[in-house]
C-alpha atoms as a PDB file:
ATOM      1  CA  MET A   1     -21.088 -61.022   6.989  1.00  0.00           C
ATOM      2  CA  ASP A   2     -18.414 -61.279   4.287  1.00  0.00           C
ATOM      3  CA  ASP A   3     -17.174 -58.396   2.134  1.00  0.00           C
ATOM      4  CA  ASN A   4     -19.570 -59.026  -0.747  1.00  0.00           C
ATOM      5  CA  GLN A   5     -22.574 -59.266   1.553  1.00  0.00           C
ATOM      6  CA  ARG A   6     -21.583 -56.047   3.324  1.00  0.00           C
ATOM      7  CA  ILE A   7     -21.145 -54.147   0.054  1.00  0.00           C
ATOM      8  CA  ILE A   8     -24.355 -55.524  -1.453  1.00  0.00           C
ATOM      9  CA  THR A   9     -26.323 -54.547   1.658  1.00  0.00           C
ATOM     10  CA  GLU A  10     -24.783 -51.056   1.618  1.00  0.00           C
ATOM     11  CA  GLY A  11     -25.517 -50.771  -2.089  1.00  0.00           C
ATOM     12  CA  LEU A  12     -29.158 -51.659  -1.536  1.00  0.00           C
ATOM     13  CA  LEU A  13     -29.407 -49.008   1.184  1.00  0.00           C
ATOM     14  CA  ARG A  14     -27.722 -46.352  -0.966  1.00  0.00           C
ATOM     15  CA  ALA A  15     -30.132 -47.065  -3.823  1.00  0.00           C
ATOM     16  CA  GLY A  16     -33.199 -47.025  -1.584  1.00  0.00           C
ATOM     17  CA  LEU A  17     -33.941 -50.657  -2.366  1.00  0.00           C
ATOM     18  CA  ILE A  18     -34.118 -51.574   1.324  1.00  0.00           C
ATOM     19  CA  ALA A  19     -34.741 -49.554   4.453  1.00  0.00           C
ATOM     20  CA  ALA A  20     -32.478 -49.263   7.491  1.00  0.00           C
ATOM     21  CA  GLY A  21     -32.916 -52.394   9.551  1.00  0.00           C
ATOM     22  CA  ASP A  22     -33.929 -54.592   6.616  1.00  0.00           C
ATOM     23  CA  VAL A  23     -31.852 -57.742   6.297  1.00  0.00           C
ATOM     24  CA  PRO A  24     -31.685 -58.972   2.690  1.00  0.00           C
ATOM     25  CA  VAL A  25     -31.169 -62.654   2.001  1.00  0.00           C
ATOM     26  CA  ILE A  26     -28.080 -62.881  -0.201  1.00  0.00           C
ATOM     27  CA  THR A  27     -27.279 -66.164  -1.920  1.00  0.00           C
ATOM     28  CA  ALA A  28     -24.123 -66.637  -3.962  1.00  0.00           C
ATOM     29  CA  LEU A  29     -24.655 -68.130  -7.414  1.00  0.00           C
ATOM     30  CA  SER A  30     -22.267 -69.425 -10.025  1.00  0.00           C
ATOM     31  CA  GLY A  31     -20.800 -66.308 -11.614  1.00  0.00           C
ATOM     32  CA  GLY A  32     -18.486 -67.949 -14.099  1.00  0.00           C
ATOM     33  CA  VAL A  33     -14.894 -66.844 -14.434  1.00  0.00           C
ATOM     34  CA  SER A  34     -15.246 -63.072 -14.406  1.00  0.00           C
ATOM     35  CA  CYS A  35     -17.660 -62.019 -11.669  1.00  0.00           C
ATOM     36  CA  ASP A  36     -19.551 -62.849  -8.506  1.00  0.00           C
ATOM     37  CA  VAL A  37     -23.323 -63.134  -8.910  1.00  0.00           C
ATOM     38  CA  PHE A  38     -25.948 -63.222  -6.151  1.00  0.00           C
ATOM     39  CA  ARG A  39     -29.662 -63.678  -5.719  1.00  0.00           C
ATOM     40  CA  VAL A  40     -30.835 -60.923  -3.399  1.00  0.00           C
ATOM     41  CA  GLU A  41     -34.206 -61.234  -1.670  1.00  0.00           C
ATOM     42  CA  THR A  42     -35.554 -57.977  -0.266  1.00  0.00           C
ATOM     43  CA  PRO A  43     -38.916 -57.111   1.292  1.00  0.00           C
ATOM     44  CA  SER A  44     -40.008 -55.656  -2.061  1.00  0.00           C
ATOM     45  CA  GLY A  45     -38.843 -58.514  -4.295  1.00  0.00           C
ATOM     46  CA  THR A  46     -35.926 -60.499  -5.678  1.00  0.00           C
ATOM     47  CA  LEU A  47     -32.999 -58.949  -7.560  1.00  0.00           C
ATOM     48  CA  CYS A  48     -29.796 -60.167  -9.129  1.00  0.00           C
ATOM     49  CA  ALA A  49     -26.558 -58.526  -7.948  1.00  0.00           C
ATOM     50  CA  LYS A  50     -23.389 -58.721  -9.992  1.00  0.00           C
ATOM     51  CA  ARG A  51     -19.870 -57.642  -9.070  1.00  0.00           C
ATOM     52  CA  ALA A  52     -16.860 -57.819 -11.406  1.00  0.00           C
ATOM     53  CA  LEU A  53     -13.688 -59.586 -10.285  1.00  0.00           C
ATOM     54  CA  PRO A  54     -10.249 -57.977 -10.744  1.00  0.00           C
ATOM     55  CA  ARG A  55      -8.669 -61.380 -11.480  1.00  0.00           C
ATOM     56  CA  LEU A  56     -10.574 -63.935 -13.506  1.00  0.00           C
ATOM     57  CA  ARG A  57     -11.000 -67.535 -12.378  1.00  0.00           C
ATOM     58  CA  VAL A  58      -8.827 -69.321 -14.924  1.00  0.00           C
ATOM     59  CA  ALA A  59      -5.674 -71.421 -14.706  1.00  0.00           C
ATOM     60  CA  THR A  60      -3.384 -68.658 -15.993  1.00  0.00           C
ATOM     61  CA  VAL A  61      -3.095 -65.159 -14.533  1.00  0.00           C
ATOM     62  CA  TRP A  62      -5.753 -63.038 -16.251  1.00  0.00           C
ATOM     63  CA  GLU A  63      -6.474 -59.629 -14.805  1.00  0.00           C
ATOM     64  CA  ALA A  64      -8.997 -57.145 -16.190  1.00  0.00           C
ATOM     65  CA  PRO A  65     -10.176 -53.685 -15.089  1.00  0.00           C
ATOM     66  CA  THR A  66     -13.282 -53.853 -12.932  1.00  0.00           C
ATOM     67  CA  ARG A  67     -14.714 -50.745 -14.590  1.00  0.00           C
ATOM     68  CA  ARG A  68     -15.989 -53.115 -17.277  1.00  0.00           C
ATOM     69  CA  SER A  69     -19.009 -53.549 -14.994  1.00  0.00           C
ATOM     70  CA  HIS A  70     -20.211 -50.051 -15.877  1.00  0.00           C
ATOM     71  CA  PHE A  71     -20.097 -50.789 -19.598  1.00  0.00           C
ATOM     72  CA  GLU A  72     -22.236 -53.859 -19.064  1.00  0.00           C
ATOM     73  CA  VAL A  73     -24.828 -51.601 -17.447  1.00  0.00           C
ATOM     74  CA  GLU A  74     -24.562 -49.247 -20.414  1.00  0.00           C
ATOM     75  CA  TRP A  75     -24.903 -52.113 -22.925  1.00  0.00           C
ATOM     76  CA  LEU A  76     -28.058 -53.351 -21.198  1.00  0.00           C
ATOM     77  CA  SER A  77     -29.524 -49.864 -21.469  1.00  0.00           C
ATOM     78  CA  VAL A  78     -28.796 -49.608 -25.191  1.00  0.00           C
ATOM     79  CA  ALA A  79     -30.033 -53.151 -25.821  1.00  0.00           C
ATOM     80  CA  ARG A  80     -33.396 -52.399 -24.216  1.00  0.00           C
ATOM     81  CA  VAL A  81     -33.807 -49.345 -26.431  1.00  0.00           C
ATOM     82  CA  ALA A  82     -32.958 -51.536 -29.445  1.00  0.00           C
ATOM     83  CA  GLY A  83     -35.793 -53.883 -28.480  1.00  0.00           C
ATOM     84  CA  LEU A  84     -33.788 -56.783 -27.081  1.00  0.00           C
ATOM     85  CA  ASN A  85     -35.084 -58.862 -24.214  1.00  0.00           C
ATOM     86  CA  VAL A  86     -32.531 -58.091 -21.494  1.00  0.00           C
ATOM     87  CA  PRO A  87     -32.683 -57.555 -17.724  1.00  0.00           C
ATOM     88  CA  ARG A  88     -33.641 -54.095 -16.503  1.00  0.00           C
ATOM     89  CA  VAL A  89     -30.917 -52.477 -14.408  1.00  0.00           C
ATOM     90  CA  VAL A  90     -32.363 -51.256 -11.100  1.00  0.00           C
ATOM     91  CA  ALA A  91     -29.323 -49.537  -9.594  1.00  0.00           C
ATOM     92  CA  GLU A  92     -25.555 -49.267  -9.961  1.00  0.00           C
ATOM     93  CA  TRP A  93     -22.767 -48.521  -7.513  1.00  0.00           C
ATOM     94  CA  GLU A  94     -20.010 -47.787  -9.972  1.00  0.00           C
ATOM     95  CA  ASP A  95     -17.215 -47.287  -7.426  1.00  0.00           C
ATOM     96  CA  GLN A  96     -17.746 -50.844  -6.201  1.00  0.00           C
ATOM     97  CA  HIS A  97     -18.254 -52.288  -9.735  1.00  0.00           C
ATOM     98  CA  LEU A  98     -21.623 -53.548  -8.509  1.00  0.00           C
ATOM     99  CA  PHE A  99     -25.077 -53.346 -10.009  1.00  0.00           C
ATOM    100  CA  PHE A 100     -28.537 -54.725  -9.356  1.00  0.00           C
ATOM    101  CA  MET A 101     -30.842 -55.943 -12.085  1.00  0.00           C
ATOM    102  CA  GLU A 102     -34.124 -57.658 -12.663  1.00  0.00           C
ATOM    103  CA  TRP A 103     -34.267 -61.297 -11.565  1.00  0.00           C
ATOM    104  CA  PHE A 104     -35.184 -63.911 -14.175  1.00  0.00           C
ATOM    105  CA  PRO A 105     -36.370 -67.136 -12.450  1.00  0.00           C
ATOM    106  CA  GLN A 106     -34.462 -70.104 -13.817  1.00  0.00           C
ATOM    107  CA  ALA A 107     -37.578 -72.282 -14.018  1.00  0.00           C
ATOM    108  CA  ASP A 108     -38.962 -69.992 -16.717  1.00  0.00           C
ATOM    109  CA  ASN A 109     -35.616 -68.962 -18.208  1.00  0.00           C
ATOM    110  CA  PRO A 110     -33.239 -71.921 -18.463  1.00  0.00           C
ATOM    111  CA  VAL A 111     -29.667 -71.246 -19.550  1.00  0.00           C
ATOM    112  CA  TRP A 112     -29.187 -72.112 -23.216  1.00  0.00           C
ATOM    113  CA  LYS A 113     -25.916 -73.912 -22.453  1.00  0.00           C
ATOM    114  CA  ALA A 114     -27.769 -76.331 -20.156  1.00  0.00           C
ATOM    115  CA  GLU A 115     -30.418 -76.923 -22.812  1.00  0.00           C
ATOM    116  CA  LEU A 116     -27.782 -77.699 -25.435  1.00  0.00           C
ATOM    117  CA  ALA A 117     -25.924 -80.007 -23.042  1.00  0.00           C
ATOM    118  CA  ALA A 118     -29.145 -81.937 -22.429  1.00  0.00           C
ATOM    119  CA  GLY A 119     -29.759 -82.407 -26.143  1.00  0.00           C
ATOM    120  CA  ARG A 120     -32.647 -79.939 -26.299  1.00  0.00           C
ATOM    121  CA  ILE A 121     -31.342 -78.235 -29.433  1.00  0.00           C
ATOM    122  CA  ASP A 122     -33.774 -75.994 -31.272  1.00  0.00           C
ATOM    123  CA  PRO A 123     -32.501 -74.424 -34.508  1.00  0.00           C
ATOM    124  CA  GLY A 124     -35.409 -71.992 -34.307  1.00  0.00           C
ATOM    125  CA  PHE A 125     -34.071 -70.636 -31.036  1.00  0.00           C
ATOM    126  CA  ALA A 126     -30.581 -70.387 -32.547  1.00  0.00           C
ATOM    127  CA  ALA A 127     -32.070 -68.338 -35.389  1.00  0.00           C
ATOM    128  CA  ALA A 128     -33.734 -66.059 -32.824  1.00  0.00           C
ATOM    129  CA  VAL A 129     -30.322 -65.531 -31.202  1.00  0.00           C
ATOM    130  CA  GLY A 130     -28.894 -64.583 -34.593  1.00  0.00           C
ATOM    131  CA  ARG A 131     -31.680 -62.063 -35.147  1.00  0.00           C
ATOM    132  CA  ALA A 132     -31.198 -60.585 -31.655  1.00  0.00           C
ATOM    133  CA  ILE A 133     -27.475 -60.043 -32.252  1.00  0.00           C
ATOM    134  CA  ALA A 134     -28.239 -58.515 -35.646  1.00  0.00           C
ATOM    135  CA  ALA A 135     -30.813 -56.188 -34.072  1.00  0.00           C
ATOM    136  CA  ILE A 136     -28.404 -54.433 -31.727  1.00  0.00           C
ATOM    137  CA  HIS A 137     -25.664 -54.332 -34.348  1.00  0.00           C
ATOM    138  CA  SER A 138     -28.064 -52.780 -36.844  1.00  0.00           C
ATOM    139  CA  ALA A 139     -29.486 -50.320 -34.314  1.00  0.00           C
ATOM    140  CA  THR A 140     -26.026 -48.985 -33.414  1.00  0.00           C
ATOM    141  CA  GLN A 141     -24.321 -49.182 -36.809  1.00  0.00           C
ATOM    142  CA  GLY A 142     -22.444 -45.986 -37.616  1.00  0.00           C
ATOM    143  CA  ASP A 143     -23.657 -44.223 -34.440  1.00  0.00           C
ATOM    144  CA  ALA A 144     -20.962 -41.743 -33.368  1.00  0.00           C
ATOM    145  CA  ALA A 145     -22.540 -41.132 -29.961  1.00  0.00           C
ATOM    146  CA  ILE A 146     -22.638 -44.855 -29.153  1.00  0.00           C
ATOM    147  CA  ALA A 147     -19.094 -45.221 -30.448  1.00  0.00           C
ATOM    148  CA  ALA A 148     -17.914 -42.515 -28.047  1.00  0.00           C
ATOM    149  CA  ARG A 149     -19.886 -44.043 -25.184  1.00  0.00           C
ATOM    150  CA  PHE A 150     -18.255 -47.454 -25.732  1.00  0.00           C
ATOM    151  CA  ALA A 151     -14.692 -46.473 -26.575  1.00  0.00           C
ATOM    152  CA  THR A 152     -13.472 -49.465 -24.563  1.00  0.00           C
ATOM    153  CA  ASP A 153     -10.614 -50.611 -26.763  1.00  0.00           C
ATOM    154  CA  ASP A 154      -8.345 -51.281 -23.781  1.00  0.00           C
ATOM    155  CA  LEU A 155     -10.961 -53.405 -22.040  1.00  0.00           C
ATOM    156  CA  PHE A 156     -11.749 -55.413 -25.159  1.00  0.00           C
ATOM    157  CA  ALA A 157      -8.047 -55.959 -25.750  1.00  0.00           C
ATOM    158  CA  ALA A 158      -7.589 -57.229 -22.184  1.00  0.00           C
ATOM    159  CA  LEU A 159     -10.688 -59.413 -22.185  1.00  0.00           C
ATOM    160  CA  ARG A 160     -10.783 -60.727 -25.749  1.00  0.00           C
ATOM    161  CA  ILE A 161      -7.891 -59.815 -28.062  1.00  0.00           C
ATOM    162  CA  GLU A 162      -5.016 -60.824 -25.777  1.00  0.00           C
ATOM    163  CA  PRO A 163      -6.464 -63.928 -24.080  1.00  0.00           C
ATOM    164  CA  TYR A 164      -8.197 -65.388 -27.113  1.00  0.00           C
ATOM    165  CA  LEU A 165      -6.147 -64.287 -30.113  1.00  0.00           C
ATOM    166  CA  LEU A 166      -2.667 -63.151 -29.087  1.00  0.00           C
ATOM    167  CA  HIS A 167      -2.215 -65.821 -26.422  1.00  0.00           C
ATOM    168  CA  THR A 168      -3.210 -68.455 -28.992  1.00  0.00           C
ATOM    169  CA  ALA A 169      -0.819 -66.954 -31.528  1.00  0.00           C
ATOM    170  CA  ARG A 170       2.015 -67.456 -29.047  1.00  0.00           C
ATOM    171  CA  ALA A 171       0.930 -71.085 -28.561  1.00  0.00           C
ATOM    172  CA  HIS A 172       1.036 -71.653 -32.350  1.00  0.00           C
ATOM    173  CA  PRO A 173       4.014 -69.637 -33.600  1.00  0.00           C
ATOM    174  CA  ASP A 174       3.736 -71.046 -37.123  1.00  0.00           C
ATOM    175  CA  LEU A 175       0.250 -69.464 -37.352  1.00  0.00           C
ATOM    176  CA  ALA A 176       1.124 -66.315 -35.412  1.00  0.00           C
ATOM    177  CA  ALA A 177       1.125 -64.031 -38.453  1.00  0.00           C
ATOM    178  CA  ILE A 178      -2.349 -65.190 -39.484  1.00  0.00           C
ATOM    179  CA  ILE A 179      -3.855 -64.884 -35.997  1.00  0.00           C
ATOM    180  CA  GLU A 180      -2.173 -61.546 -35.286  1.00  0.00           C
ATOM    181  CA  GLY A 181      -3.543 -60.272 -38.605  1.00  0.00           C
ATOM    182  CA  ILE A 182      -7.060 -61.315 -37.564  1.00  0.00           C
ATOM    183  CA  ALA A 183      -6.563 -59.529 -34.251  1.00  0.00           C
ATOM    184  CA  ALA A 184      -5.388 -56.363 -35.993  1.00  0.00           C
ATOM    185  CA  THR A 185      -8.344 -56.369 -38.381  1.00  0.00           C
ATOM    186  CA  THR A 186     -10.762 -56.889 -35.507  1.00  0.00           C
ATOM    187  CA  GLN A 187      -9.279 -54.043 -33.483  1.00  0.00           C
ATOM    188  CA  ALA A 188      -9.303 -51.693 -36.471  1.00  0.00           C
ATOM    189  CA  THR A 189     -12.954 -52.274 -37.380  1.00  0.00           C
ATOM    190  CA  ARG A 190     -15.417 -49.731 -35.945  1.00  0.00           C
ATOM    191  CA  ALA A 191     -18.916 -50.574 -37.098  1.00  0.00           C
ATOM    192  CA  ALA A 192     -21.396 -51.352 -34.294  1.00  0.00           C
ATOM    193  CA  LEU A 193     -21.890 -52.063 -30.600  1.00  0.00           C
ATOM    194  CA  VAL A 194     -20.450 -55.467 -29.738  1.00  0.00           C
ATOM    195  CA  HIS A 195     -21.550 -57.596 -26.770  1.00  0.00           C
ATOM    196  CA  GLY A 196     -18.281 -59.515 -26.729  1.00  0.00           C
ATOM    197  CA  ASP A 197     -19.443 -62.680 -24.941  1.00  0.00           C
ATOM    198  CA  VAL A 198     -22.430 -64.029 -26.872  1.00  0.00           C
ATOM    199  CA  SER A 199     -22.124 -67.535 -25.513  1.00  0.00           C
ATOM    200  CA  PRO A 200     -24.848 -70.068 -24.624  1.00  0.00           C
ATOM    201  CA  LYS A 201     -23.916 -69.633 -20.963  1.00  0.00           C
ATOM    202  CA  ASN A 202     -24.936 -65.976 -21.282  1.00  0.00           C
ATOM    203  CA  ILE A 203     -28.246 -66.544 -23.029  1.00  0.00           C
ATOM    204  CA  LEU A 204     -31.459 -67.501 -21.255  1.00  0.00           C
ATOM    205  CA  CYS A 205     -34.255 -69.310 -23.061  1.00  0.00           C
ATOM    206  CA  GLY A 206     -37.009 -66.897 -22.132  1.00  0.00           C
ATOM    207  CA  ARG A 207     -40.663 -67.381 -22.973  1.00  0.00           C
ATOM    208  CA  ALA A 208     -40.493 -64.345 -25.241  1.00  0.00           C
ATOM    209  CA  GLY A 209     -37.233 -65.463 -26.857  1.00  0.00           C
ATOM    210  CA  PRO A 210     -33.524 -65.155 -26.062  1.00  0.00           C
ATOM    211  CA  VAL A 211     -32.480 -63.081 -23.041  1.00  0.00           C
ATOM    212  CA  LEU A 212     -28.902 -61.815 -23.428  1.00  0.00           C
ATOM    213  CA  ILE A 213     -26.865 -61.173 -20.287  1.00  0.00           C
ATOM    214  CA  ASP A 214     -23.226 -60.673 -19.207  1.00  0.00           C
ATOM    215  CA  ALA A 215     -22.063 -57.920 -21.552  1.00  0.00           C
ATOM    216  CA  GLU A 216     -18.872 -57.121 -19.616  1.00  0.00           C
ATOM    217  CA  CYS A 217     -16.872 -57.002 -22.846  1.00  0.00           C
ATOM    218  CA  ALA A 218     -19.080 -54.370 -24.500  1.00  0.00           C
ATOM    219  CA  TRP A 219     -17.168 -52.425 -27.151  1.00  0.00           C
ATOM    220  CA  TYR A 220     -17.875 -50.368 -30.231  1.00  0.00           C
ATOM    221  CA  GLY A 221     -16.044 -52.341 -32.864  1.00  0.00           C
ATOM    222  CA  ASP A 222     -16.356 -55.345 -35.129  1.00  0.00           C
ATOM    223  CA  PRO A 223     -19.771 -57.068 -34.995  1.00  0.00           C
ATOM    224  CA  ALA A 224     -18.230 -60.113 -36.695  1.00  0.00           C
ATOM    225  CA  PHE A 225     -16.786 -60.977 -33.286  1.00  0.00           C
ATOM    226  CA  ASP A 226     -20.218 -61.608 -31.743  1.00  0.00           C
ATOM    227  CA  LEU A 227     -21.318 -63.755 -34.674  1.00  0.00           C
ATOM    228  CA  ALA A 228     -18.127 -65.825 -34.644  1.00  0.00           C
ATOM    229  CA  PHE A 229     -18.029 -66.180 -30.856  1.00  0.00           C
ATOM    230  CA  CYS A 230     -21.532 -67.627 -30.682  1.00  0.00           C
ATOM    231  CA  CYS A 231     -21.080 -69.846 -33.753  1.00  0.00           C
ATOM    232  CA  THR A 232     -17.976 -71.319 -32.117  1.00  0.00           C
ATOM    233  CA  HIS A 233     -20.104 -72.896 -29.429  1.00  0.00           C
ATOM    234  CA  MET A 234     -22.482 -74.542 -31.880  1.00  0.00           C
ATOM    235  CA  LEU A 235     -19.547 -76.336 -33.494  1.00  0.00           C
ATOM    236  CA  LEU A 236     -17.852 -77.290 -30.228  1.00  0.00           C
ATOM    237  CA  LYS A 237     -21.064 -78.727 -28.796  1.00  0.00           C
ATOM    238  CA  GLY A 238     -21.149 -81.142 -31.732  1.00  0.00           C
ATOM    239  CA  VAL A 239     -17.669 -82.414 -30.812  1.00  0.00           C
ATOM    240  CA  TRP A 240     -18.669 -82.691 -27.168  1.00  0.00           C
ATOM    241  CA  HIS A 241     -21.843 -84.676 -27.926  1.00  0.00           C
ATOM    242  CA  PRO A 242     -21.402 -86.271 -31.362  1.00  0.00           C
ATOM    243  CA  GLN A 243     -24.767 -88.024 -31.058  1.00  0.00           C
ATOM    244  CA  TRP A 244     -26.394 -84.601 -31.365  1.00  0.00           C
ATOM    245  CA  GLU A 245     -24.071 -83.228 -34.017  1.00  0.00           C
ATOM    246  CA  PRO A 246     -26.787 -83.059 -36.736  1.00  0.00           C
ATOM    247  CA  GLN A 247     -28.860 -80.830 -34.439  1.00  0.00           C
ATOM    248  CA  THR A 248     -25.945 -78.600 -33.443  1.00  0.00           C
ATOM    249  CA  ALA A 249     -24.969 -78.318 -37.119  1.00  0.00           C
ATOM    250  CA  ALA A 250     -28.527 -77.227 -37.914  1.00  0.00           C
ATOM    251  CA  ALA A 251     -28.354 -74.690 -35.068  1.00  0.00           C
ATOM    252  CA  PHE A 252     -25.052 -73.351 -36.436  1.00  0.00           C
ATOM    253  CA  ASP A 253     -26.568 -72.875 -39.900  1.00  0.00           C
ATOM    254  CA  ALA A 254     -29.744 -71.338 -38.498  1.00  0.00           C
ATOM    255  CA  LEU A 255     -27.813 -68.865 -36.352  1.00  0.00           C
ATOM    256  CA  HIS A 256     -25.502 -67.458 -39.015  1.00  0.00           C
ATOM    257  CA  SER A 257     -28.171 -67.502 -41.728  1.00  0.00           C
ATOM    258  CA  ALA A 258     -30.671 -65.613 -39.575  1.00  0.00           C
ATOM    259  CA  TYR A 259     -28.019 -63.096 -38.583  1.00  0.00           C
ATOM    260  CA  LEU A 260     -26.922 -62.386 -42.152  1.00  0.00           C
ATOM    261  CA  ASP A 261     -30.540 -62.125 -43.308  1.00  0.00           C
ATOM    262  CA  ALA A 262     -31.417 -59.660 -40.520  1.00  0.00           C
ATOM    263  CA  VAL A 263     -28.382 -57.378 -40.315  1.00  0.00           C
ATOM    264  CA  THR A 264     -28.324 -54.149 -42.305  1.00  0.00           C
ATOM    265  CA  PRO A 265     -26.796 -54.251 -45.795  1.00  0.00           C
ATOM    266  CA  ALA A 266     -24.175 -51.735 -44.682  1.00  0.00           C
ATOM    267  CA  LEU A 267     -22.900 -54.193 -42.066  1.00  0.00           C
ATOM    268  CA  ARG A 268     -23.353 -57.326 -44.150  1.00  0.00           C
ATOM    269  CA  GLY A 269     -20.629 -56.389 -46.603  1.00  0.00           C
ATOM    270  CA  GLY A 270     -17.405 -58.006 -45.445  1.00  0.00           C
ATOM    271  CA  ILE A 271     -18.770 -59.327 -42.170  1.00  0.00           C
ATOM    272  CA  GLU A 272     -18.982 -62.960 -43.261  1.00  0.00           C
ATOM    273  CA  ALA A 273     -15.327 -63.111 -44.293  1.00  0.00           C
ATOM    274  CA  ARG A 274     -14.223 -61.520 -41.009  1.00  0.00           C
ATOM    275  CA  ALA A 275     -16.469 -63.889 -39.040  1.00  0.00           C
ATOM    276  CA  ILE A 276     -14.979 -66.900 -40.847  1.00  0.00           C
ATOM    277  CA  ALA A 277     -11.454 -65.844 -39.896  1.00  0.00           C
ATOM    278  CA  LEU A 278     -12.448 -65.111 -36.301  1.00  0.00           C
ATOM    279  CA  LEU A 279     -14.385 -68.363 -36.027  1.00  0.00           C
ATOM    280  CA  ALA A 280     -11.329 -70.441 -36.918  1.00  0.00           C
ATOM    281  CA  ALA A 281      -9.141 -68.447 -34.526  1.00  0.00           C
ATOM    282  CA  ILE A 282     -11.610 -68.624 -31.632  1.00  0.00           C
ATOM    283  CA  LEU A 283     -12.101 -72.376 -32.111  1.00  0.00           C
ATOM    284  CA  LEU A 284      -8.356 -72.784 -31.664  1.00  0.00           C
ATOM    285  CA  ALA A 285      -8.407 -70.372 -28.733  1.00  0.00           C
ATOM    286  CA  ARG A 286     -11.012 -72.457 -26.922  1.00  0.00           C
ATOM    287  CA  ILE A 287      -8.383 -75.193 -26.792  1.00  0.00           C
ATOM    288  CA  ASP A 288      -5.090 -73.292 -26.434  1.00  0.00           C
ATOM    289  CA  GLY A 289      -6.094 -69.776 -25.312  1.00  0.00           C
ATOM    290  CA  ARG A 290      -6.394 -68.463 -21.775  1.00  0.00           C
ATOM    291  CA  SER A 291     -10.016 -69.631 -21.475  1.00  0.00           C
ATOM    292  CA  PRO A 292     -10.325 -73.162 -22.886  1.00  0.00           C
ATOM    293  CA  VAL A 293     -13.792 -74.727 -22.839  1.00  0.00           C
ATOM    294  CA  GLU A 294     -14.156 -76.832 -19.723  1.00  0.00           C
ATOM    295  CA  TYR A 295     -16.283 -79.563 -21.286  1.00  0.00           C
ATOM    296  CA  LEU A 296     -13.798 -80.891 -23.865  1.00  0.00           C
ATOM    297  CA  THR A 297     -11.658 -82.927 -21.491  1.00  0.00           C
ATOM    298  CA  ALA A 298     -10.611 -85.829 -23.734  1.00  0.00           C
ATOM    299  CA  GLU A 299      -7.323 -85.047 -25.428  1.00  0.00           C
ATOM    300  CA  ALA A 300      -8.527 -86.776 -28.588  1.00  0.00           C
ATOM    301  CA  ASP A 301     -11.431 -84.316 -28.835  1.00  0.00           C
ATOM    302  CA  ARG A 302      -9.194 -81.366 -28.093  1.00  0.00           C
ATOM    303  CA  ASP A 303      -6.757 -82.474 -30.755  1.00  0.00           C
ATOM    304  CA  ARG A 304      -9.544 -82.893 -33.321  1.00  0.00           C
ATOM    305  CA  VAL A 305     -10.613 -79.314 -32.709  1.00  0.00           C
ATOM    306  CA  ARG A 306      -7.012 -78.114 -32.804  1.00  0.00           C
ATOM    307  CA  ARG A 307      -6.228 -79.826 -36.116  1.00  0.00           C
ATOM    308  CA  ALA A 308      -9.450 -78.671 -37.778  1.00  0.00           C
ATOM    309  CA  ALA A 309      -9.117 -75.069 -36.599  1.00  0.00           C
ATOM    310  CA  ARG A 310      -5.515 -74.901 -37.783  1.00  0.00           C
ATOM    311  CA  GLN A 311      -6.485 -76.068 -41.265  1.00  0.00           C
ATOM    312  CA  LEU A 312      -9.410 -73.649 -41.447  1.00  0.00           C
ATOM    313  CA  LEU A 313      -7.155 -70.768 -40.441  1.00  0.00           C
ATOM    314  CA  GLN A 314      -4.770 -71.604 -43.256  1.00  0.00           C
ATOM    315  CA  ASP A 315      -7.428 -72.365 -45.861  1.00  0.00           C
ATOM    316  CA  PRO A 316     -10.643 -70.492 -44.936  1.00  0.00           C
ATOM    317  CA  PRO A 317     -13.847 -71.458 -46.794  1.00  0.00           C
ATOM    318  CA  PRO A 318     -15.745 -68.731 -48.681  1.00  0.00           C
ATOM    319  CA  THR A 319     -18.952 -68.861 -46.601  1.00  0.00           C
ATOM    320  CA  LEU A 320     -20.048 -69.814 -43.101  1.00  0.00           C
ATOM    321  CA  ALA A 321     -22.186 -72.593 -44.551  1.00  0.00           C
ATOM    322  CA  ALA A 322     -19.100 -74.017 -46.265  1.00  0.00           C
ATOM    323  CA  PHE A 323     -17.172 -73.583 -43.011  1.00  0.00           C
ATOM    324  CA  GLY A 324     -19.685 -75.789 -41.184  1.00  0.00           C
ATOM    325  CA  ALA A 325     -19.491 -78.488 -43.837  1.00  0.00           C
ATOM    326  CA  ARG A 326     -15.688 -78.407 -43.865  1.00  0.00           C
ATOM    327  CA  TRP A 327     -15.595 -78.485 -40.055  1.00  0.00           C
ATOM    328  CA  ARG A 328     -17.697 -81.644 -39.963  1.00  0.00           C
ATOM    329  CA  GLN A 329     -15.404 -83.256 -42.522  1.00  0.00           C
ATOM    330  CA  LEU A 330     -12.226 -82.306 -40.667  1.00  0.00           C
ATOM    331  CA  THR A 331     -13.507 -83.415 -37.266  1.00  0.00           C
ATOM    332  CA  GLY A 332     -14.737 -86.730 -38.654  1.00  0.00           C
ATOM    333  CA  GLN A 333     -18.427 -86.092 -38.136  1.00  0.00           C
ATOM    334  CA  PRO A 334     -21.178 -87.064 -40.604  1.00  0.00           C
END
């Protein structure tokens, strides 16, 4: 029995999820770069166990406090109250940065990233994602108690500001002032509860709509980050699979339009301009930051993204719709 299996079994016992003598079946799953994830079969049912890693699985050294696991549990709790479709947390062992949550069978809940990669691109689903993000932002907007509960500035800086923005600024010193300014604005904005990793790999296509998971970067701050982070992937998928670019472009437009239509007026003011700036910076970061996208392997594609993102940082369009059109022009897509 390895260390994870031992701790998971002890955690199940501590939480009363198994009895002494029960032997759970623990299967390691792909946990991405930041955590270990397991399917755990117990006599009473199947659970998902998640444990944060102290050092992320990327090419450069990227360490992050494991206490972020607790804030993911907290985010899931708030999201359920806000009406989002998210896993129910069953138990947490905070000292071991481990928690157990409801299991969502993959057959009924495919990962959105896999659907996009297969060309199953539904703008209606993208719009539903936009509305889901807007729902939790709107539900937590201006909430002092939530702000105090998620005062995780240091975690967000370690997980998002430094690896995505400041690292990229160092890689592009001629744009450093612009990118550092975007980082400063993001860090100074306190408006709503942010997920921090709204990516297709962290969204399941549930029968009742999007299921958001993996909120390790939860932070009370700038909701424009979530909008920009997710929109980034719609644009990059079009570069990855140019034959499906019209569909990914439609998904991009559906996502940001639905979000802006659904979010509260108090949040809407200024959020589009901040999202435009962040979108350009994050696109560049997904090539030259600490966590580049793994699927853009051709240097020609990477350079197309790099050149387009650099131009959009220096000359940002006035709206997200205009950003999408300009992006397609700069990357040579129809």
